[in-house]
PDB file of N, CA and C in Angstrom:
ATOM      1  N   MET A   1      -7.248   4.092   6.375  1.00  0.00           N
ATOM      2  CA  MET A   1      -8.143   3.602   7.403  1.00  0.00           C
ATOM      3  C   MET A   1      -7.885   2.121   7.693  1.00  0.00           C
ATOM      4  N   PHE A   2      -7.627   1.355   6.635  1.00  0.00           N
ATOM      5  CA  PHE A   2      -7.386  -0.075   6.810  1.00  0.00           C
ATOM      6  C   PHE A   2      -6.236  -0.317   7.776  1.00  0.00           C
ATOM      7  N   ALA A   3      -5.149   0.422   7.589  1.00  0.00           N
ATOM      8  CA  ALA A   3      -3.956   0.196   8.400  1.00  0.00           C
ATOM      9  C   ALA A   3      -4.235   0.452   9.871  1.00  0.00           C
ATOM     10  N   LEU A   4      -4.964   1.506  10.173  1.00  0.00           N
ATOM     11  CA  LEU A   4      -5.242   1.820  11.576  1.00  0.00           C
ATOM     12  C   LEU A   4      -6.124   0.770  12.229  1.00  0.00           C
ATOM     13  N   ALA A   5      -7.009   0.183  11.459  1.00  0.00           N
ATOM     14  CA  ALA A   5      -7.974  -0.761  12.007  1.00  0.00           C
ATOM     15  C   ALA A   5      -7.458  -2.192  12.094  1.00  0.00           C
ATOM     16  N   HIS A   6      -6.451  -2.526  11.285  1.00  0.00           N
ATOM     17  CA  HIS A   6      -6.017  -3.922  11.214  1.00  0.00           C
ATOM     18  C   HIS A   6      -4.532  -4.139  11.475  1.00  0.00           C
ATOM     19  N   VAL A   7      -3.729  -3.125  11.325  1.00  0.00           N
ATOM     20  CA  VAL A   7      -2.276  -3.295  11.443  1.00  0.00           C
ATOM     21  C   VAL A   7      -1.794  -2.437  12.602  1.00  0.00           C
ATOM     22  N   GLY A   8      -1.968  -2.971  13.794  1.00  0.00           N
ATOM     23  CA  GLY A   8      -1.554  -2.286  15.010  1.00  0.00           C
ATOM     24  C   GLY A   8      -1.262  -3.292  16.094  1.00  0.00           C
ATOM     25  N   GLU A   9      -0.847  -2.798  17.219  1.00  0.00           N
ATOM     26  CA  GLU A   9      -0.447  -3.683  18.310  1.00  0.00           C
ATOM     27  C   GLU A   9      -1.615  -4.451  18.913  1.00  0.00           C
ATOM     28  N   GLN A  10      -2.825  -3.901  18.873  1.00  0.00           N
ATOM     29  CA  GLN A  10      -3.962  -4.575  19.509  1.00  0.00           C
ATOM     30  C   GLN A  10      -4.594  -5.656  18.643  1.00  0.00           C
ATOM     31  N   ALA A  11      -4.541  -5.498  17.341  1.00  0.00           N
ATOM     32  CA  ALA A  11      -5.216  -6.448  16.448  1.00  0.00           C
ATOM     33  C   ALA A  11      -4.482  -7.785  16.424  1.00  0.00           C
ATOM     34  N   ASP A  12      -5.252  -8.849  16.513  1.00  0.00           N
ATOM     35  CA  ASP A  12      -4.671 -10.185  16.384  1.00  0.00           C
ATOM     36  C   ASP A  12      -4.364 -10.456  14.919  1.00  0.00           C
ATOM     37  N   HIS A  13      -3.313 -11.193  14.698  1.00  0.00           N
ATOM     38  CA  HIS A  13      -2.955 -11.644  13.362  1.00  0.00           C
ATOM     39  C   HIS A  13      -2.893 -13.163  13.458  1.00  0.00           C
ATOM     40  N   MET A  14      -4.033 -13.770  13.231  1.00  0.00           N
ATOM     41  CA  MET A  14      -4.222 -15.185  13.512  1.00  0.00           C
ATOM     42  C   MET A  14      -3.489 -16.085  12.529  1.00  0.00           C
ATOM     43  N   GLU A  15      -3.068 -17.200  13.077  1.00  0.00           N
ATOM     44  CA  GLU A  15      -2.461 -18.235  12.249  1.00  0.00           C
ATOM     45  C   GLU A  15      -3.502 -19.314  11.989  1.00  0.00           C
ATOM     46  N   LEU A  16      -3.507 -19.816  10.786  1.00  0.00           N
ATOM     47  CA  LEU A  16      -4.419 -20.896  10.442  1.00  0.00           C
ATOM     48  C   LEU A  16      -3.791 -22.235  10.820  1.00  0.00           C
ATOM     49  N   VAL A  17      -4.598 -23.107  11.370  1.00  0.00           N
ATOM     50  CA  VAL A  17      -4.175 -24.465  11.677  1.00  0.00           C
ATOM     51  C   VAL A  17      -5.060 -25.384  10.850  1.00  0.00           C
ATOM     52  N   ASP A  18      -4.451 -26.113   9.941  1.00  0.00           N
ATOM     53  CA  ASP A  18      -5.204 -26.959   9.010  1.00  0.00           C
ATOM     54  C   ASP A  18      -6.269 -26.141   8.267  1.00  0.00           C
ATOM     55  N   HIS A  19      -5.893 -24.931   7.854  1.00  0.00           N
ATOM     56  CA  HIS A  19      -6.770 -24.025   7.105  1.00  0.00           C
ATOM     57  C   HIS A  19      -8.002 -23.598   7.896  1.00  0.00           C
ATOM     58  N   LYS A  20      -7.889 -23.571   9.232  1.00  0.00           N
ATOM     59  CA  LYS A  20      -9.015 -23.187  10.076  1.00  0.00           C
ATOM     60  C   LYS A  20      -8.563 -22.178  11.123  1.00  0.00           C
ATOM     61  N   VAL A  21      -9.503 -21.343  11.549  1.00  0.00           N
ATOM     62  CA  VAL A  21      -9.281 -20.386  12.630  1.00  0.00           C
ATOM     63  C   VAL A  21      -9.876 -21.000  13.892  1.00  0.00           C
ATOM     64  N   ASP A  22      -9.224 -20.792  15.023  1.00  0.00           N
ATOM     65  CA  ASP A  22      -9.656 -21.448  16.260  1.00  0.00           C
ATOM     66  C   ASP A  22     -10.733 -20.675  17.032  1.00  0.00           C
ATOM     67  N   MET A  23     -11.535 -19.864  16.318  1.00  0.00           N
ATOM     68  CA  MET A  23     -12.635 -19.153  16.969  1.00  0.00           C
ATOM     69  C   MET A  23     -13.747 -18.933  15.944  1.00  0.00           C
ATOM     70  N   GLY A  24     -14.911 -18.550  16.433  1.00  0.00           N
ATOM     71  CA  GLY A  24     -16.042 -18.308  15.544  1.00  0.00           C
ATOM     72  C   GLY A  24     -15.863 -17.051  14.707  1.00  0.00           C
ATOM     73  N   TRP A  25     -16.731 -16.911  13.702  1.00  0.00           N
ATOM     74  CA  TRP A  25     -16.628 -15.800  12.766  1.00  0.00           C
ATOM     75  C   TRP A  25     -16.736 -14.449  13.476  1.00  0.00           C
ATOM     76  N   ALA A  26     -17.758 -14.256  14.285  1.00  0.00           N
ATOM     77  CA  ALA A  26     -17.958 -12.958  14.942  1.00  0.00           C
ATOM     78  C   ALA A  26     -16.801 -12.628  15.877  1.00  0.00           C
ATOM     79  N   GLN A  27     -16.346 -13.601  16.642  1.00  0.00           N
ATOM     80  CA  GLN A  27     -15.219 -13.367  17.544  1.00  0.00           C
ATOM     81  C   GLN A  27     -13.965 -13.031  16.754  1.00  0.00           C
ATOM     82  N   SER A  28     -13.761 -13.669  15.619  1.00  0.00           N
ATOM     83  CA  SER A  28     -12.575 -13.365  14.811  1.00  0.00           C
ATOM     84  C   SER A  28     -12.643 -11.952  14.234  1.00  0.00           C
ATOM     85  N   GLN A  29     -13.860 -11.464  13.952  1.00  0.00           N
ATOM     86  CA  GLN A  29     -13.998 -10.086  13.476  1.00  0.00           C
ATOM     87  C   GLN A  29     -13.570  -9.100  14.550  1.00  0.00           C
ATOM     88  N   LEU A  30     -13.939  -9.371  15.795  1.00  0.00           N
ATOM     89  CA  LEU A  30     -13.542  -8.492  16.904  1.00  0.00           C
ATOM     90  C   LEU A  30     -12.056  -8.618  17.209  1.00  0.00           C
ATOM     91  N   ALA A  31     -11.504  -9.800  17.019  1.00  0.00           N
ATOM     92  CA  ALA A  31     -10.090 -10.023  17.332  1.00  0.00           C
ATOM     93  C   ALA A  31      -9.154  -9.337  16.343  1.00  0.00           C
ATOM     94  N   THR A  32      -9.594  -9.189  15.103  1.00  0.00           N
ATOM     95  CA  THR A  32      -8.695  -8.683  14.061  1.00  0.00           C
ATOM     96  C   THR A  32      -8.953  -7.226  13.680  1.00  0.00           C
ATOM     97  N   THR A  33      -9.841  -6.564  14.411  1.00  0.00           N
ATOM     98  CA  THR A  33     -10.141  -5.161  14.114  1.00  0.00           C
ATOM     99  C   THR A  33      -9.997  -4.298  15.363  1.00  0.00           C
ATOM    100  N   CYS A  34      -9.704  -3.035  15.141  1.00  0.00           N
ATOM    101  CA  CYS A  34      -9.627  -2.049  16.229  1.00  0.00           C
ATOM    102  C   CYS A  34     -10.342  -0.785  15.786  1.00  0.00           C
ATOM    103  N   ASP A  35     -11.243  -0.319  16.615  1.00  0.00           N
ATOM    104  CA  ASP A  35     -11.879   0.968  16.360  1.00  0.00           C
ATOM    105  C   ASP A  35     -10.912   2.079  16.754  1.00  0.00           C
ATOM    106  N   PHE A  36     -11.131   3.270  16.217  1.00  0.00           N
ATOM    107  CA  PHE A  36     -10.373   4.442  16.667  1.00  0.00           C
ATOM    108  C   PHE A  36     -11.299   5.650  16.703  1.00  0.00           C
ATOM    109  N   GLU A  37     -11.021   6.563  17.597  1.00  0.00           N
ATOM    110  CA  GLU A  37     -11.856   7.763  17.778  1.00  0.00           C
ATOM    111  C   GLU A  37     -13.342   7.389  17.831  1.00  0.00           C
ATOM    112  N   PRO A  38     -13.726   6.462  18.719  1.00  0.00           N
ATOM    113  CA  PRO A  38     -15.096   5.955  18.695  1.00  0.00           C
ATOM    114  C   PRO A  38     -16.170   6.985  19.043  1.00  0.00           C
ATOM    115  N   THR A  39     -15.801   8.067  19.695  1.00  0.00           N
ATOM    116  CA  THR A  39     -16.798   9.080  20.059  1.00  0.00           C
ATOM    117  C   THR A  39     -16.774  10.293  19.136  1.00  0.00           C
ATOM    118  N   SER A  40     -15.978  10.233  18.097  1.00  0.00           N
ATOM    119  CA  SER A  40     -15.802  11.384  17.211  1.00  0.00           C
ATOM    120  C   SER A  40     -16.854  11.431  16.096  1.00  0.00           C
ATOM    121  N   PHE A  41     -17.682  12.453  16.132  1.00  0.00           N
ATOM    122  CA  PHE A  41     -18.645  12.681  15.060  1.00  0.00           C
ATOM    123  C   PHE A  41     -17.905  12.898  13.743  1.00  0.00           C
ATOM    124  N   PHE A  42     -16.814  13.671  13.799  1.00  0.00           N
ATOM    125  CA  PHE A  42     -16.041  13.957  12.590  1.00  0.00           C
ATOM    126  C   PHE A  42     -15.533  12.676  11.941  1.00  0.00           C
ATOM    127  N   TRP A  43     -14.829  11.824  12.706  1.00  0.00           N
ATOM    128  CA  TRP A  43     -14.247  10.623  12.113  1.00  0.00           C
ATOM    129  C   TRP A  43     -15.311   9.627  11.666  1.00  0.00           C
ATOM    130  N   THR A  44     -16.420   9.560  12.383  1.00  0.00           N
ATOM    131  CA  THR A  44     -17.493   8.657  11.967  1.00  0.00           C
ATOM    132  C   THR A  44     -18.009   9.043  10.586  1.00  0.00           C
ATOM    133  N   HIS A  45     -18.146  10.335  10.334  1.00  0.00           N
ATOM    134  CA  HIS A  45     -18.706  10.768   9.057  1.00  0.00           C
ATOM    135  C   HIS A  45     -17.637  10.945   7.978  1.00  0.00           C
ATOM    136  N   PHE A  46     -16.473  11.440   8.354  1.00  0.00           N
ATOM    137  CA  PHE A  46     -15.396  11.626   7.379  1.00  0.00           C
ATOM    138  C   PHE A  46     -14.927  10.290   6.811  1.00  0.00           C
ATOM    139  N   SER A  47     -14.882   9.263   7.672  1.00  0.00           N
ATOM    140  CA  SER A  47     -14.392   7.949   7.236  1.00  0.00           C
ATOM    141  C   SER A  47     -15.521   7.032   6.774  1.00  0.00           C
ATOM    142  N   GLY A  48     -16.735   7.517   6.783  1.00  0.00           N
ATOM    143  CA  GLY A  48     -17.864   6.650   6.423  1.00  0.00           C
ATOM    144  C   GLY A  48     -18.087   5.554   7.442  1.00  0.00           C
ATOM    145  N   GLY A  49     -17.694   5.819   8.674  1.00  0.00           N
ATOM    146  CA  GLY A  49     -17.891   4.858   9.758  1.00  0.00           C
ATOM    147  C   GLY A  49     -16.761   3.869   9.946  1.00  0.00           C
ATOM    148  N   LEU A  50     -15.692   4.000   9.165  1.00  0.00           N
ATOM    149  CA  LEU A  50     -14.604   3.024   9.287  1.00  0.00           C
ATOM    150  C   LEU A  50     -13.817   3.154  10.588  1.00  0.00           C
ATOM    151  N   ASN A  51     -14.059   4.208  11.345  1.00  0.00           N
ATOM    152  CA  ASN A  51     -13.459   4.282  12.679  1.00  0.00           C
ATOM    153  C   ASN A  51     -14.160   3.304  13.631  1.00  0.00           C
ATOM    154  N   HIS A  52     -15.325   2.826  13.257  1.00  0.00           N
ATOM    155  CA  HIS A  52     -16.047   1.779  14.000  1.00  0.00           C
ATOM    156  C   HIS A  52     -15.877   0.476  13.221  1.00  0.00           C
ATOM    157  N   GLN A  53     -14.657   0.002  13.160  1.00  0.00           N
ATOM    158  CA  GLN A  53     -14.294  -1.112  12.305  1.00  0.00           C
ATOM    159  C   GLN A  53     -15.005  -2.410  12.679  1.00  0.00           C
ATOM    160  N   ALA A  54     -15.192  -2.661  13.962  1.00  0.00           N
ATOM    161  CA  ALA A  54     -15.849  -3.900  14.383  1.00  0.00           C
ATOM    162  C   ALA A  54     -17.279  -3.955  13.863  1.00  0.00           C
ATOM    163  N   VAL A  55     -18.017  -2.851  13.998  1.00  0.00           N
ATOM    164  CA  VAL A  55     -19.392  -2.813  13.494  1.00  0.00           C
ATOM    165  C   VAL A  55     -19.393  -2.971  11.977  1.00  0.00           C
ATOM    166  N   HIS A  56     -18.475  -2.295  11.318  1.00  0.00           N
ATOM    167  CA  HIS A  56     -18.363  -2.383   9.859  1.00  0.00           C
ATOM    168  C   HIS A  56     -18.169  -3.839   9.414  1.00  0.00           C
ATOM    169  N   HIS A  57     -17.384  -4.611  10.137  1.00  0.00           N
ATOM    170  CA  HIS A  57     -17.144  -6.009   9.772  1.00  0.00           C
ATOM    171  C   HIS A  57     -18.319  -6.916  10.118  1.00  0.00           C
ATOM    172  N   LEU A  58     -18.952  -6.644  11.245  1.00  0.00           N
ATOM    173  CA  LEU A  58     -20.072  -7.490  11.656  1.00  0.00           C
ATOM    174  C   LEU A  58     -21.353  -7.195  10.873  1.00  0.00           C
ATOM    175  N   PHE A  59     -21.548  -5.927  10.515  1.00  0.00           N
ATOM    176  CA  PHE A  59     -22.775  -5.504   9.825  1.00  0.00           C
ATOM    177  C   PHE A  59     -22.430  -4.606   8.641  1.00  0.00           C
ATOM    178  N   PRO A  60     -21.806  -5.145   7.602  1.00  0.00           N
ATOM    179  CA  PRO A  60     -21.348  -4.311   6.489  1.00  0.00           C
ATOM    180  C   PRO A  60     -22.472  -3.631   5.705  1.00  0.00           C
ATOM    181  N   TRP A  61     -23.680  -4.112   5.809  1.00  0.00           N
ATOM    182  CA  TRP A  61     -24.816  -3.533   5.082  1.00  0.00           C
ATOM    183  C   TRP A  61     -25.449  -2.356   5.827  1.00  0.00           C
ATOM    184  N   MET A  62     -25.072  -2.156   7.088  1.00  0.00           N
ATOM    185  CA  MET A  62     -25.690  -1.120   7.917  1.00  0.00           C
ATOM    186  C   MET A  62     -25.129   0.261   7.581  1.00  0.00           C
ATOM    187  N   ILE A  63     -25.977   1.253   7.554  1.00  0.00           N
ATOM    188  CA  ILE A  63     -25.522   2.620   7.315  1.00  0.00           C
ATOM    189  C   ILE A  63     -24.676   3.096   8.504  1.00  0.00           C
ATOM    190  N   HIS A  64     -23.604   3.802   8.210  1.00  0.00           N
ATOM    191  CA  HIS A  64     -22.617   4.149   9.238  1.00  0.00           C
ATOM    192  C   HIS A  64     -23.151   5.082  10.329  1.00  0.00           C
ATOM    193  N   THR A  65     -24.238   5.765  10.094  1.00  0.00           N
ATOM    194  CA  THR A  65     -24.755   6.664  11.131  1.00  0.00           C
ATOM    195  C   THR A  65     -25.260   5.899  12.360  1.00  0.00           C
ATOM    196  N   HIS A  66     -25.507   4.607  12.199  1.00  0.00           N
ATOM    197  CA  HIS A  66     -25.936   3.778  13.332  1.00  0.00           C
ATOM    198  C   HIS A  66     -24.758   3.148  14.082  1.00  0.00           C
ATOM    199  N   TYR A  67     -23.574   3.217  13.518  1.00  0.00           N
ATOM    200  CA  TYR A  67     -22.414   2.540  14.108  1.00  0.00           C
ATOM    201  C   TYR A  67     -22.136   2.918  15.563  1.00  0.00           C
ATOM    202  N   PRO A  68     -22.147   4.201  15.937  1.00  0.00           N
ATOM    203  CA  PRO A  68     -21.835   4.520  17.340  1.00  0.00           C
ATOM    204  C   PRO A  68     -22.774   3.819  18.336  1.00  0.00           C
ATOM    205  N   ALA A  69     -24.068   3.808  18.061  1.00  0.00           N
ATOM    206  CA  ALA A  69     -25.021   3.150  18.965  1.00  0.00           C
ATOM    207  C   ALA A  69     -24.837   1.642  18.957  1.00  0.00           C
ATOM    208  N   VAL A  70     -24.657   1.067  17.782  1.00  0.00           N
ATOM    209  CA  VAL A  70     -24.494  -0.384  17.665  1.00  0.00           C
ATOM    210  C   VAL A  70     -23.194  -0.840  18.330  1.00  0.00           C
ATOM    211  N   SER A  71     -22.153  -0.021  18.240  1.00  0.00           N
ATOM    212  CA  SER A  71     -20.884  -0.409  18.878  1.00  0.00           C
ATOM    213  C   SER A  71     -21.043  -0.550  20.386  1.00  0.00           C
ATOM    214  N   GLN A  72     -21.906   0.268  20.995  1.00  0.00           N
ATOM    215  CA  GLN A  72     -22.148   0.146  22.437  1.00  0.00           C
ATOM    216  C   GLN A  72     -22.826  -1.180  22.777  1.00  0.00           C
ATOM    217  N   ILE A  73     -23.738  -1.609  21.933  1.00  0.00           N
ATOM    218  CA  ILE A  73     -24.405  -2.903  22.135  1.00  0.00           C
ATOM    219  C   ILE A  73     -23.396  -4.040  21.984  1.00  0.00           C
ATOM    220  N   ILE A  74     -22.575  -3.960  20.956  1.00  0.00           N
ATOM    221  CA  ILE A  74     -21.564  -5.006  20.734  1.00  0.00           C
ATOM    222  C   ILE A  74     -20.586  -5.064  21.903  1.00  0.00           C
ATOM    223  N   LYS A  75     -20.191  -3.912  22.429  1.00  0.00           N
ATOM    224  CA  LYS A  75     -19.278  -3.893  23.587  1.00  0.00           C
ATOM    225  C   LYS A  75     -19.895  -4.613  24.772  1.00  0.00           C
ATOM    226  N   ARG A  76     -21.186  -4.364  25.036  1.00  0.00           N
ATOM    227  CA  ARG A  76     -21.853  -5.025  26.167  1.00  0.00           C
ATOM    228  C   ARG A  76     -21.915  -6.543  25.955  1.00  0.00           C
ATOM    229  N   VAL A  77     -22.257  -6.966  24.755  1.00  0.00           N
ATOM    230  CA  VAL A  77     -22.347  -8.403  24.468  1.00  0.00           C
ATOM    231  C   VAL A  77     -20.958  -9.039  24.540  1.00  0.00           C
ATOM    232  N   ALA A  78     -19.962  -8.366  23.991  1.00  0.00           N
ATOM    233  CA  ALA A  78     -18.593  -8.892  24.050  1.00  0.00           C
ATOM    234  C   ALA A  78     -18.137  -9.058  25.499  1.00  0.00           C
ATOM    235  N   LYS A  79     -18.422  -8.075  26.318  1.00  0.00           N
ATOM    236  CA  LYS A  79     -18.037  -8.158  27.732  1.00  0.00           C
ATOM    237  C   LYS A  79     -18.744  -9.327  28.417  1.00  0.00           C
ATOM    238  N   LYS A  80     -20.016  -9.515  28.114  1.00  0.00           N
ATOM    239  CA  LYS A  80     -20.797 -10.609  28.702  1.00  0.00           C
ATOM    240  C   LYS A  80     -20.170 -11.964  28.383  1.00  0.00           C
ATOM    241  N   PHE A  81     -19.627 -12.106  27.181  1.00  0.00           N
ATOM    242  CA  PHE A  81     -19.045 -13.374  26.747  1.00  0.00           C
ATOM    243  C   PHE A  81     -17.523 -13.388  26.855  1.00  0.00           C
ATOM    244  N   ASP A  82     -16.969 -12.396  27.564  1.00  0.00           N
ATOM    245  CA  ASP A  82     -15.528 -12.303  27.820  1.00  0.00           C
ATOM    246  C   ASP A  82     -14.708 -12.282  26.522  1.00  0.00           C
ATOM    247  N   VAL A  83     -15.178 -11.473  25.569  1.00  0.00           N
ATOM    248  CA  VAL A  83     -14.488 -11.283  24.294  1.00  0.00           C
ATOM    249  C   VAL A  83     -13.976  -9.848  24.260  1.00  0.00           C
ATOM    250  N   ASP A  84     -12.728  -9.666  23.873  1.00  0.00           N
ATOM    251  CA  ASP A  84     -12.151  -8.328  23.811  1.00  0.00           C
ATOM    252  C   ASP A  84     -12.768  -7.503  22.692  1.00  0.00           C
ATOM    253  N   TYR A  85     -13.089  -6.260  23.011  1.00  0.00           N
ATOM    254  CA  TYR A  85     -13.497  -5.276  22.012  1.00  0.00           C
ATOM    255  C   TYR A  85     -12.382  -4.251  21.993  1.00  0.00           C
ATOM    256  N   ARG A  86     -11.693  -4.138  20.889  1.00  0.00           N
ATOM    257  CA  ARG A  86     -10.479  -3.328  20.817  1.00  0.00           C
ATOM    258  C   ARG A  86     -10.752  -1.968  20.202  1.00  0.00           C
ATOM    259  N   GLU A  87     -10.212  -0.946  20.862  1.00  0.00           N
ATOM    260  CA  GLU A  87     -10.360   0.398  20.320  1.00  0.00           C
ATOM    261  C   GLU A  87      -9.245   1.301  20.822  1.00  0.00           C
ATOM    262  N   TYR A  88      -8.923   2.277  20.007  1.00  0.00           N
ATOM    263  CA  TYR A  88      -7.956   3.308  20.365  1.00  0.00           C
ATOM    264  C   TYR A  88      -8.742   4.583  20.653  1.00  0.00           C
ATOM    265  N   PRO A  89      -8.415   5.281  21.717  1.00  0.00           N
ATOM    266  CA  PRO A  89      -9.183   6.474  22.082  1.00  0.00           C
ATOM    267  C   PRO A  89      -9.030   7.634  21.100  1.00  0.00           C
ATOM    268  N   SER A  90      -7.930   7.644  20.346  1.00  0.00           N
ATOM    269  CA  SER A  90      -7.706   8.748  19.404  1.00  0.00           C
ATOM    270  C   SER A  90      -6.970   8.238  18.174  1.00  0.00           C
ATOM    271  N   ILE A  91      -7.014   9.023  17.121  1.00  0.00           N
ATOM    272  CA  ILE A  91      -6.295   8.654  15.910  1.00  0.00           C
ATOM    273  C   ILE A  91      -4.791   8.712  16.130  1.00  0.00           C
ATOM    274  N   VAL A  92      -4.350   9.599  17.019  1.00  0.00           N
ATOM    275  CA  VAL A  92      -2.919   9.697  17.329  1.00  0.00           C
ATOM    276  C   VAL A  92      -2.439   8.400  17.979  1.00  0.00           C
ATOM    277  N   VAL A  93      -3.202   7.877  18.912  1.00  0.00           N
ATOM    278  CA  VAL A  93      -2.843   6.618  19.571  1.00  0.00           C
ATOM    279  C   VAL A  93      -2.876   5.472  18.560  1.00  0.00           C
ATOM    280  N   ALA A  94      -3.859   5.473  17.661  1.00  0.00           N
ATOM    281  CA  ALA A  94      -3.938   4.441  16.627  1.00  0.00           C
ATOM    282  C   ALA A  94      -2.737   4.505  15.692  1.00  0.00           C
ATOM    283  N   LEU A  95      -2.361   5.709  15.269  1.00  0.00           N
ATOM    284  CA  LEU A  95      -1.183   5.872  14.411  1.00  0.00           C
ATOM    285  C   LEU A  95       0.091   5.417  15.115  1.00  0.00           C
ATOM    286  N   ARG A  96       0.213   5.784  16.377  1.00  0.00           N
ATOM    287  CA  ARG A  96       1.393   5.378  17.158  1.00  0.00           C
ATOM    288  C   ARG A  96       1.472   3.856  17.239  1.00  0.00           C
ATOM    289  N   SER A  97       0.352   3.212  17.487  1.00  0.00           N
ATOM    290  CA  SER A  97       0.315   1.756  17.567  1.00  0.00           C
ATOM    291  C   SER A  97       0.653   1.130  16.217  1.00  0.00           C
ATOM    292  N   HIS A  98       0.141   1.718  15.154  1.00  0.00           N
ATOM    293  CA  HIS A  98       0.418   1.218  13.808  1.00  0.00           C
ATOM    294  C   HIS A  98       1.914   1.261  13.508  1.00  0.00           C
ATOM    295  N   PHE A  99       2.540   2.410  13.760  1.00  0.00           N
ATOM    296  CA  PHE A  99       3.967   2.537  13.462  1.00  0.00           C
ATOM    297  C   PHE A  99       4.829   1.711  14.418  1.00  0.00           C
ATOM    298  N   GLN A 100       4.390   1.548  15.650  1.00  0.00           N
ATOM    299  CA  GLN A 100       5.119   0.685  16.586  1.00  0.00           C
ATOM    300  C   GLN A 100       5.067  -0.762  16.115  1.00  0.00           C
ATOM    301  N   PHE A 101       3.908  -1.196  15.643  1.00  0.00           N
ATOM    302  CA  PHE A 101       3.764  -2.553  15.118  1.00  0.00           C
ATOM    303  C   PHE A 101       4.682  -2.761  13.915  1.00  0.00           C
ATOM    304  N   LEU A 102       4.691  -1.797  12.985  1.00  0.00           N
ATOM    305  CA  LEU A 102       5.577  -1.905  11.822  1.00  0.00           C
ATOM    306  C   LEU A 102       7.045  -1.961  12.238  1.00  0.00           C
ATOM    307  N   TYR A 103       7.408  -1.133  13.203  1.00  0.00           N
ATOM    308  CA  TYR A 103       8.772  -1.147  13.721  1.00  0.00           C
ATOM    309  C   TYR A 103       9.112  -2.500  14.317  1.00  0.00           C
ATOM    310  N   ASN A 104       8.206  -3.025  15.125  1.00  0.00           N
ATOM    311  CA  ASN A 104       8.439  -4.332  15.752  1.00  0.00           C
ATOM    312  C   ASN A 104       8.603  -5.434  14.700  1.00  0.00           C
ATOM    313  N   MET A 105       7.796  -5.400  13.667  1.00  0.00           N
ATOM    314  CA  MET A 105       7.896  -6.394  12.608  1.00  0.00           C
ATOM    315  C   MET A 105       9.219  -6.254  11.855  1.00  0.00           C
ATOM    316  N   ALA A 106       9.671  -5.033  11.637  1.00  0.00           N
ATOM    317  CA  ALA A 106      10.927  -4.802  10.925  1.00  0.00           C
ATOM    318  C   ALA A 106      12.129  -5.272  11.736  1.00  0.00           C
ATOM    319  N   THR A 107      12.071  -5.126  13.044  1.00  0.00           N
ATOM    320  CA  THR A 107      13.208  -5.531  13.866  1.00  0.00           C
ATOM    321  C   THR A 107      13.256  -7.028  14.102  1.00  0.00           C
ATOM    322  N   ILE A 108      12.139  -7.717  13.917  1.00  0.00           N
ATOM    323  CA  ILE A 108      12.095  -9.175  14.051  1.00  0.00           C
ATOM    324  C   ILE A 108      12.776  -9.820  12.842  1.00  0.00           C
ATOM    325  N   ALA A 109      12.538  -9.238  11.677  1.00  0.00           N
ATOM    326  CA  ALA A 109      13.027  -9.829  10.424  1.00  0.00           C
ATOM    327  C   ALA A 109      14.524  -9.826  10.303  1.00  0.00           C
TER     328      ALA A 109
END
């Protein structure tokens, strides 16, 4: 689950400048995570809500059954403040992005 949510083409991999990130904590959580299968009842429960990675990072104490509703609120607030909310429509697309990212990193080296 970690790889799909953090190691893909959409997730930012921020560089520190003087040991600091150039954005706030909440924005950095949205920048470095990607949800997958956001409408899937199966993935929400099978993964314990880790398919809603942004909510998991912003509200780690919240029970995962609330994640789908809370993610809609976060999307609206993110849009209002022009912050990207990243998600993959399916696990297949998330896997493809993950392996494409790994391929890209391997060819750079």
